[in-house]
Amino acid sequence: MLIKVLGTGCAKCKKLAANVEAAALELGIDATIEKVEDLQQIMEYGVMSTPALIVDDEIKFMGKVPKVADLKKYLK
């Protein structure tokens, strides 16, 4: 599983990355987590509001920071 956290490095983006790592760990998922901070790359995904979560090239959400429990639903 390839998980990408898109954001420019703001506090919300860092919080989402931490929550995603915690959710993947709790689920025991073998995943690669990438942080994409380059604005041009973020725009290439069609994301206009950060932070955003992409799982296996599918945008799951943008513009919010879900709790770890909610993120588990996106990663199952």
PDB file of N, CA and C in Angstrom:
ATOM      1  N   MET A   1       0.852  -1.175   0.000  1.00  0.00           N
ATOM      2  CA  MET A   1       0.000   0.000   0.000  1.00  0.00           C
ATOM      3  C   MET A   1       0.894   1.232   0.000  1.00  0.00           C
ATOM      4  N   LEU A   2       0.565   2.174  -0.863  1.00  0.00           N
ATOM      5  CA  LEU A   2       1.297   3.435  -0.930  1.00  0.00           C
ATOM      6  C   LEU A   2       0.386   4.554  -0.446  1.00  0.00           C
ATOM      7  N   ILE A   3       0.808   5.211   0.617  1.00  0.00           N
ATOM      8  CA  ILE A   3       0.028   6.295   1.219  1.00  0.00           C
ATOM      9  C   ILE A   3       0.821   7.584   1.042  1.00  0.00           C
ATOM     10  N   LYS A   4       0.140   8.607   0.526  1.00  0.00           N
ATOM     11  CA  LYS A   4       0.788   9.903   0.357  1.00  0.00           C
ATOM     12  C   LYS A   4       0.018  10.954   1.143  1.00  0.00           C
ATOM     13  N   VAL A   5       0.761  11.713   1.924  1.00  0.00           N
ATOM     14  CA  VAL A   5       0.196  12.842   2.656  1.00  0.00           C
ATOM     15  C   VAL A   5       0.652  14.092   1.925  1.00  0.00           C
ATOM     16  N   LEU A   6      -0.302  14.838   1.381  1.00  0.00           N
ATOM     17  CA  LEU A   6       0.011  16.032   0.620  1.00  0.00           C
ATOM     18  C   LEU A   6      -0.197  17.265   1.485  1.00  0.00           C
ATOM     19  N   GLY A   7       0.820  18.093   1.550  1.00  0.00           N
ATOM     20  CA  GLY A   7       0.733  19.330   2.315  1.00  0.00           C
ATOM     21  C   GLY A   7       2.059  20.052   2.279  1.00  0.00           C
ATOM     22  N   THR A   8       2.022  21.322   2.534  1.00  0.00           N
ATOM     23  CA  THR A   8       3.212  22.159   2.404  1.00  0.00           C
ATOM     24  C   THR A   8       4.095  22.183   3.649  1.00  0.00           C
ATOM     25  N   GLY A   9       3.757  21.387   4.645  1.00  0.00           N
ATOM     26  CA  GLY A   9       4.571  21.341   5.854  1.00  0.00           C
ATOM     27  C   GLY A   9       3.986  22.125   7.010  1.00  0.00           C
ATOM     28  N   CYS A  10       2.731  22.538   6.884  1.00  0.00           N
ATOM     29  CA  CYS A  10       2.078  23.292   7.961  1.00  0.00           C
ATOM     30  C   CYS A  10       1.767  22.351   9.141  1.00  0.00           C
ATOM     31  N   ALA A  11       1.305  22.903  10.224  1.00  0.00           N
ATOM     32  CA  ALA A  11       1.009  22.115  11.423  1.00  0.00           C
ATOM     33  C   ALA A  11      -0.047  21.048  11.147  1.00  0.00           C
ATOM     34  N   LYS A  12      -1.077  21.377  10.379  1.00  0.00           N
ATOM     35  CA  LYS A  12      -2.124  20.402  10.068  1.00  0.00           C
ATOM     36  C   LYS A  12      -1.574  19.262   9.220  1.00  0.00           C
ATOM     37  N   CYS A  13      -0.696  19.584   8.304  1.00  0.00           N
ATOM     38  CA  CYS A  13      -0.100  18.565   7.437  1.00  0.00           C
ATOM     39  C   CYS A  13       0.763  17.607   8.261  1.00  0.00           C
ATOM     40  N   LYS A  14       1.520  18.154   9.183  1.00  0.00           N
ATOM     41  CA  LYS A  14       2.359  17.322  10.050  1.00  0.00           C
ATOM     42  C   LYS A  14       1.499  16.454  10.964  1.00  0.00           C
ATOM     43  N   LYS A  15       0.400  16.991  11.451  1.00  0.00           N
ATOM     44  CA  LYS A  15      -0.510  16.235  12.308  1.00  0.00           C
ATOM     45  C   LYS A  15      -1.135  15.077  11.532  1.00  0.00           C
ATOM     46  N   LEU A  16      -1.548  15.335  10.288  1.00  0.00           N
ATOM     47  CA  LEU A  16      -2.116  14.277   9.466  1.00  0.00           C
ATOM     48  C   LEU A  16      -1.087  13.171   9.238  1.00  0.00           C
ATOM     49  N   ALA A  17       0.145  13.532   8.929  1.00  0.00           N
ATOM     50  CA  ALA A  17       1.190  12.533   8.704  1.00  0.00           C
ATOM     51  C   ALA A  17       1.393  11.675   9.948  1.00  0.00           C
ATOM     52  N   ALA A  18       1.410  12.294  11.110  1.00  0.00           N
ATOM     53  CA  ALA A  18       1.572  11.548  12.362  1.00  0.00           C
ATOM     54  C   ALA A  18       0.382  10.625  12.604  1.00  0.00           C
ATOM     55  N   ASN A  19      -0.829  11.115  12.340  1.00  0.00           N
ATOM     56  CA  ASN A  19      -2.029  10.304  12.537  1.00  0.00           C
ATOM     57  C   ASN A  19      -2.063   9.123  11.561  1.00  0.00           C
ATOM     58  N   VAL A  20      -1.641   9.344  10.334  1.00  0.00           N
ATOM     59  CA  VAL A  20      -1.609   8.268   9.342  1.00  0.00           C
ATOM     60  C   VAL A  20      -0.614   7.188   9.764  1.00  0.00           C
ATOM     61  N   GLU A  21       0.547   7.611  10.240  1.00  0.00           N
ATOM     62  CA  GLU A  21       1.547   6.648  10.704  1.00  0.00           C
ATOM     63  C   GLU A  21       1.009   5.839  11.878  1.00  0.00           C
ATOM     64  N   ALA A  22       0.327   6.494  12.802  1.00  0.00           N
ATOM     65  CA  ALA A  22      -0.245   5.794  13.955  1.00  0.00           C
ATOM     66  C   ALA A  22      -1.333   4.813  13.531  1.00  0.00           C
ATOM     67  N   ALA A  23      -2.194   5.219  12.612  1.00  0.00           N
ATOM     68  CA  ALA A  23      -3.278   4.358  12.143  1.00  0.00           C
ATOM     69  C   ALA A  23      -2.724   3.128  11.424  1.00  0.00           C
ATOM     70  N   ALA A  24      -1.728   3.324  10.573  1.00  0.00           N
ATOM     71  CA  ALA A  24      -1.121   2.202   9.844  1.00  0.00           C
ATOM     72  C   ALA A  24      -0.452   1.237  10.825  1.00  0.00           C
ATOM     73  N   LEU A  25       0.200   1.774  11.822  1.00  0.00           N
ATOM     74  CA  LEU A  25       0.862   0.945  12.833  1.00  0.00           C
ATOM     75  C   LEU A  25      -0.161   0.134  13.620  1.00  0.00           C
ATOM     76  N   GLU A  26      -1.242   0.773  14.044  1.00  0.00           N
ATOM     77  CA  GLU A  26      -2.282   0.088  14.811  1.00  0.00           C
ATOM     78  C   GLU A  26      -2.950  -1.013  14.000  1.00  0.00           C
ATOM     79  N   LEU A  27      -3.095  -0.793  12.681  1.00  0.00           N
ATOM     80  CA  LEU A  27      -3.721  -1.797  11.816  1.00  0.00           C
ATOM     81  C   LEU A  27      -2.732  -2.872  11.368  1.00  0.00           C
ATOM     82  N   GLY A  28      -1.451  -2.625  11.598  1.00  0.00           N
ATOM     83  CA  GLY A  28      -0.433  -3.578  11.169  1.00  0.00           C
ATOM     84  C   GLY A  28      -0.288  -3.648   9.663  1.00  0.00           C
ATOM     85  N   ILE A  29      -0.533  -2.528   9.010  1.00  0.00           N
ATOM     86  CA  ILE A  29      -0.472  -2.459   7.553  1.00  0.00           C
ATOM     87  C   ILE A  29       0.974  -2.284   7.092  1.00  0.00           C
ATOM     88  N   ASP A  30       1.337  -3.047   6.071  1.00  0.00           N
ATOM     89  CA  ASP A  30       2.636  -2.886   5.444  1.00  0.00           C
ATOM     90  C   ASP A  30       2.486  -1.802   4.382  1.00  0.00           C
ATOM     91  N   ALA A  31       2.831  -0.593   4.743  1.00  0.00           N
ATOM     92  CA  ALA A  31       2.594   0.539   3.851  1.00  0.00           C
ATOM     93  C   ALA A  31       3.829   1.427   3.768  1.00  0.00           C
ATOM     94  N   THR A  32       3.959   2.059   2.622  1.00  0.00           N
ATOM     95  CA  THR A  32       4.963   3.089   2.434  1.00  0.00           C
ATOM     96  C   THR A  32       4.241   4.422   2.550  1.00  0.00           C
ATOM     97  N   ILE A  33       4.727   5.267   3.448  1.00  0.00           N
ATOM     98  CA  ILE A  33       4.102   6.569   3.660  1.00  0.00           C
ATOM     99  C   ILE A  33       5.044   7.647   3.141  1.00  0.00           C
ATOM    100  N   GLU A  34       4.553   8.415   2.171  1.00  0.00           N
ATOM    101  CA  GLU A  34       5.338   9.500   1.593  1.00  0.00           C
ATOM    102  C   GLU A  34       4.699  10.835   1.927  1.00  0.00           C
ATOM    103  N   LYS A  35       5.543  11.818   2.187  1.00  0.00           N
ATOM    104  CA  LYS A  35       5.064  13.173   2.408  1.00  0.00           C
ATOM    105  C   LYS A  35       5.414  13.987   1.162  1.00  0.00           C
ATOM    106  N   VAL A  36       4.395  14.546   0.537  1.00  0.00           N
ATOM    107  CA  VAL A  36       4.591  15.347  -0.669  1.00  0.00           C
ATOM    108  C   VAL A  36       4.371  16.808  -0.285  1.00  0.00           C
ATOM    109  N   GLU A  37       5.453  17.583  -0.314  1.00  0.00           N
ATOM    110  CA  GLU A  37       5.375  18.986   0.098  1.00  0.00           C
ATOM    111  C   GLU A  37       5.543  19.962  -1.051  1.00  0.00           C
ATOM    112  N   ASP A  38       5.935  19.476  -2.221  1.00  0.00           N
ATOM    113  CA  ASP A  38       6.133  20.336  -3.376  1.00  0.00           C
ATOM    114  C   ASP A  38       4.779  20.769  -3.932  1.00  0.00           C
ATOM    115  N   LEU A  39       4.554  22.065  -3.994  1.00  0.00           N
ATOM    116  CA  LEU A  39       3.260  22.607  -4.416  1.00  0.00           C
ATOM    117  C   LEU A  39       2.883  22.177  -5.831  1.00  0.00           C
ATOM    118  N   GLN A  40       3.850  22.117  -6.718  1.00  0.00           N
ATOM    119  CA  GLN A  40       3.577  21.696  -8.097  1.00  0.00           C
ATOM    120  C   GLN A  40       3.081  20.246  -8.132  1.00  0.00           C
ATOM    121  N   GLN A  41       3.716  19.375  -7.362  1.00  0.00           N
ATOM    122  CA  GLN A  41       3.294  17.980  -7.303  1.00  0.00           C
ATOM    123  C   GLN A  41       1.899  17.853  -6.696  1.00  0.00           C
ATOM    124  N   ILE A  42       1.625  18.630  -5.677  1.00  0.00           N
ATOM    125  CA  ILE A  42       0.309  18.609  -5.035  1.00  0.00           C
ATOM    126  C   ILE A  42      -0.761  19.011  -6.046  1.00  0.00           C
ATOM    127  N   MET A  43      -0.493  20.044  -6.812  1.00  0.00           N
ATOM    128  CA  MET A  43      -1.460  20.524  -7.804  1.00  0.00           C
ATOM    129  C   MET A  43      -1.680  19.499  -8.924  1.00  0.00           C
ATOM    130  N   GLU A  44      -0.654  18.707  -9.231  1.00  0.00           N
ATOM    131  CA  GLU A  44      -0.779  17.679 -10.260  1.00  0.00           C
ATOM    132  C   GLU A  44      -1.822  16.618  -9.870  1.00  0.00           C
ATOM    133  N   TYR A  45      -2.043  16.452  -8.581  1.00  0.00           N
ATOM    134  CA  TYR A  45      -3.067  15.516  -8.109  1.00  0.00           C
ATOM    135  C   TYR A  45      -4.468  16.131  -8.159  1.00  0.00           C
ATOM    136  N   GLY A  46      -4.547  17.426  -8.443  1.00  0.00           N
ATOM    137  CA  GLY A  46      -5.839  18.096  -8.470  1.00  0.00           C
ATOM    138  C   GLY A  46      -6.305  18.515  -7.086  1.00  0.00           C
ATOM    139  N   VAL A  47      -5.395  18.529  -6.142  1.00  0.00           N
ATOM    140  CA  VAL A  47      -5.715  18.903  -4.768  1.00  0.00           C
ATOM    141  C   VAL A  47      -5.592  20.405  -4.622  1.00  0.00           C
ATOM    142  N   MET A  48      -6.662  21.033  -4.163  1.00  0.00           N
ATOM    143  CA  MET A  48      -6.647  22.483  -3.988  1.00  0.00           C
ATOM    144  C   MET A  48      -6.714  22.889  -2.524  1.00  0.00           C
ATOM    145  N   SER A  49      -6.871  21.912  -1.648  1.00  0.00           N
ATOM    146  CA  SER A  49      -6.956  22.191  -0.221  1.00  0.00           C
ATOM    147  C   SER A  49      -6.144  21.135   0.522  1.00  0.00           C
ATOM    148  N   THR A  50      -5.182  21.591   1.305  1.00  0.00           N
ATOM    149  CA  THR A  50      -4.345  20.657   2.053  1.00  0.00           C
ATOM    150  C   THR A  50      -4.679  20.731   3.535  1.00  0.00           C
ATOM    151  N   PRO A  51      -4.360  19.713   4.277  1.00  0.00           N
ATOM    152  CA  PRO A  51      -3.705  18.485   3.865  1.00  0.00           C
ATOM    153  C   PRO A  51      -4.665  17.562   3.128  1.00  0.00           C
ATOM    154  N   ALA A  52      -4.072  16.623   2.395  1.00  0.00           N
ATOM    155  CA  ALA A  52      -4.866  15.650   1.655  1.00  0.00           C
ATOM    156  C   ALA A  52      -4.231  14.273   1.822  1.00  0.00           C
ATOM    157  N   LEU A  53      -5.053  13.246   1.668  1.00  0.00           N
ATOM    158  CA  LEU A  53      -4.573  11.876   1.796  1.00  0.00           C
ATOM    159  C   LEU A  53      -4.867  11.121   0.504  1.00  0.00           C
ATOM    160  N   ILE A  54      -3.837  10.478  -0.015  1.00  0.00           N
ATOM    161  CA  ILE A  54      -3.979   9.643  -1.205  1.00  0.00           C
ATOM    162  C   ILE A  54      -3.525   8.241  -0.831  1.00  0.00           C
ATOM    163  N   VAL A  55      -4.383   7.255  -1.109  1.00  0.00           N
ATOM    164  CA  VAL A  55      -4.059   5.858  -0.846  1.00  0.00           C
ATOM    165  C   VAL A  55      -4.106   5.123  -2.177  1.00  0.00           C
ATOM    166  N   ASP A  56      -2.977   4.548  -2.562  1.00  0.00           N
ATOM    167  CA  ASP A  56      -2.868   3.831  -3.835  1.00  0.00           C
ATOM    168  C   ASP A  56      -3.443   4.646  -4.995  1.00  0.00           C
ATOM    169  N   ASP A  57      -3.000   5.906  -5.089  1.00  0.00           N
ATOM    170  CA  ASP A  57      -3.366   6.835  -6.165  1.00  0.00           C
ATOM    171  C   ASP A  57      -4.835   7.241  -6.184  1.00  0.00           C
ATOM    172  N   GLU A  58      -5.548   7.050  -5.083  1.00  0.00           N
ATOM    173  CA  GLU A  58      -6.941   7.490  -4.968  1.00  0.00           C
ATOM    174  C   GLU A  58      -7.046   8.526  -3.858  1.00  0.00           C
ATOM    175  N   ILE A  59      -7.562   9.706  -4.199  1.00  0.00           N
ATOM    176  CA  ILE A  59      -7.727  10.756  -3.190  1.00  0.00           C
ATOM    177  C   ILE A  59      -8.838  10.331  -2.235  1.00  0.00           C
ATOM    178  N   LYS A  60      -8.502  10.264  -0.948  1.00  0.00           N
ATOM    179  CA  LYS A  60      -9.483   9.860   0.057  1.00  0.00           C
ATOM    180  C   LYS A  60     -10.186  11.075   0.660  1.00  0.00           C
ATOM    181  N   PHE A  61      -9.434  12.144   0.877  1.00  0.00           N
ATOM    182  CA  PHE A  61     -10.024  13.389   1.366  1.00  0.00           C
ATOM    183  C   PHE A  61      -9.008  14.502   1.249  1.00  0.00           C
ATOM    184  N   MET A  62      -9.499  15.732   1.402  1.00  0.00           N
ATOM    185  CA  MET A  62      -8.605  16.891   1.417  1.00  0.00           C
ATOM    186  C   MET A  62      -9.190  17.973   2.317  1.00  0.00           C
ATOM    187  N   GLY A  63      -8.304  18.763   2.897  1.00  0.00           N
ATOM    188  CA  GLY A  63      -8.718  19.905   3.687  1.00  0.00           C
ATOM    189  C   GLY A  63      -9.117  19.622   5.118  1.00  0.00           C
ATOM    190  N   LYS A  64      -8.753  18.429   5.645  1.00  0.00           N
ATOM    191  CA  LYS A  64      -9.093  18.142   7.040  1.00  0.00           C
ATOM    192  C   LYS A  64      -8.054  17.204   7.638  1.00  0.00           C
ATOM    193  N   VAL A  65      -8.121  17.073   8.971  1.00  0.00           N
ATOM    194  CA  VAL A  65      -7.213  16.187   9.693  1.00  0.00           C
ATOM    195  C   VAL A  65      -8.050  15.235  10.546  1.00  0.00           C
ATOM    196  N   PRO A  66      -8.394  14.075   9.994  1.00  0.00           N
ATOM    197  CA  PRO A  66      -9.186  13.117  10.769  1.00  0.00           C
ATOM    198  C   PRO A  66      -8.387  12.519  11.931  1.00  0.00           C
ATOM    199  N   LYS A  67      -9.107  12.034  12.909  1.00  0.00           N
ATOM    200  CA  LYS A  67      -8.485  11.353  14.043  1.00  0.00           C
ATOM    201  C   LYS A  67      -7.984   9.987  13.579  1.00  0.00           C
ATOM    202  N   VAL A  68      -7.119   9.381  14.384  1.00  0.00           N
ATOM    203  CA  VAL A  68      -6.537   8.083  14.045  1.00  0.00           C
ATOM    204  C   VAL A  68      -7.629   7.048  13.806  1.00  0.00           C
ATOM    205  N   ALA A  69      -8.645   7.014  14.650  1.00  0.00           N
ATOM    206  CA  ALA A  69      -9.735   6.037  14.505  1.00  0.00           C
ATOM    207  C   ALA A  69     -10.444   6.197  13.161  1.00  0.00           C
ATOM    208  N   ASP A  70     -10.649   7.431  12.727  1.00  0.00           N
ATOM    209  CA  ASP A  70     -11.311   7.674  11.443  1.00  0.00           C
ATOM    210  C   ASP A  70     -10.397   7.303  10.274  1.00  0.00           C
ATOM    211  N   LEU A  71      -9.101   7.532  10.428  1.00  0.00           N
ATOM    212  CA  LEU A  71      -8.161   7.202   9.362  1.00  0.00           C
ATOM    213  C   LEU A  71      -8.097   5.699   9.107  1.00  0.00           C
ATOM    214  N   LYS A  72      -8.313   4.921  10.127  1.00  0.00           N
ATOM    215  CA  LYS A  72      -8.279   3.457   9.963  1.00  0.00           C
ATOM    216  C   LYS A  72      -9.300   3.016   8.917  1.00  0.00           C
ATOM    217  N   LYS A  73     -10.424   3.691   8.844  1.00  0.00           N
ATOM    218  CA  LYS A  73     -11.464   3.350   7.855  1.00  0.00           C
ATOM    219  C   LYS A  73     -10.955   3.565   6.425  1.00  0.00           C
ATOM    220  N   TYR A  74     -10.140   4.594   6.241  1.00  0.00           N
ATOM    221  CA  TYR A  74      -9.590   4.882   4.906  1.00  0.00           C
ATOM    222  C   TYR A  74      -8.503   3.893   4.512  1.00  0.00           C
ATOM    223  N   LEU A  75      -7.851   3.298   5.515  1.00  0.00           N
ATOM    224  CA  LEU A  75      -6.698   2.447   5.239  1.00  0.00           C
ATOM    225  C   LEU A  75      -7.042   0.966   5.175  1.00  0.00           C
ATOM    226  N   LYS A  76      -8.240   0.593   5.545  1.00  0.00           N
ATOM    227  CA  LYS A  76      -8.608  -0.830   5.518  1.00  0.00           C
ATOM    228  C   LYS A  76      -8.817  -1.331   4.126  1.00  0.00           C
TER     229      LYS A  76
END
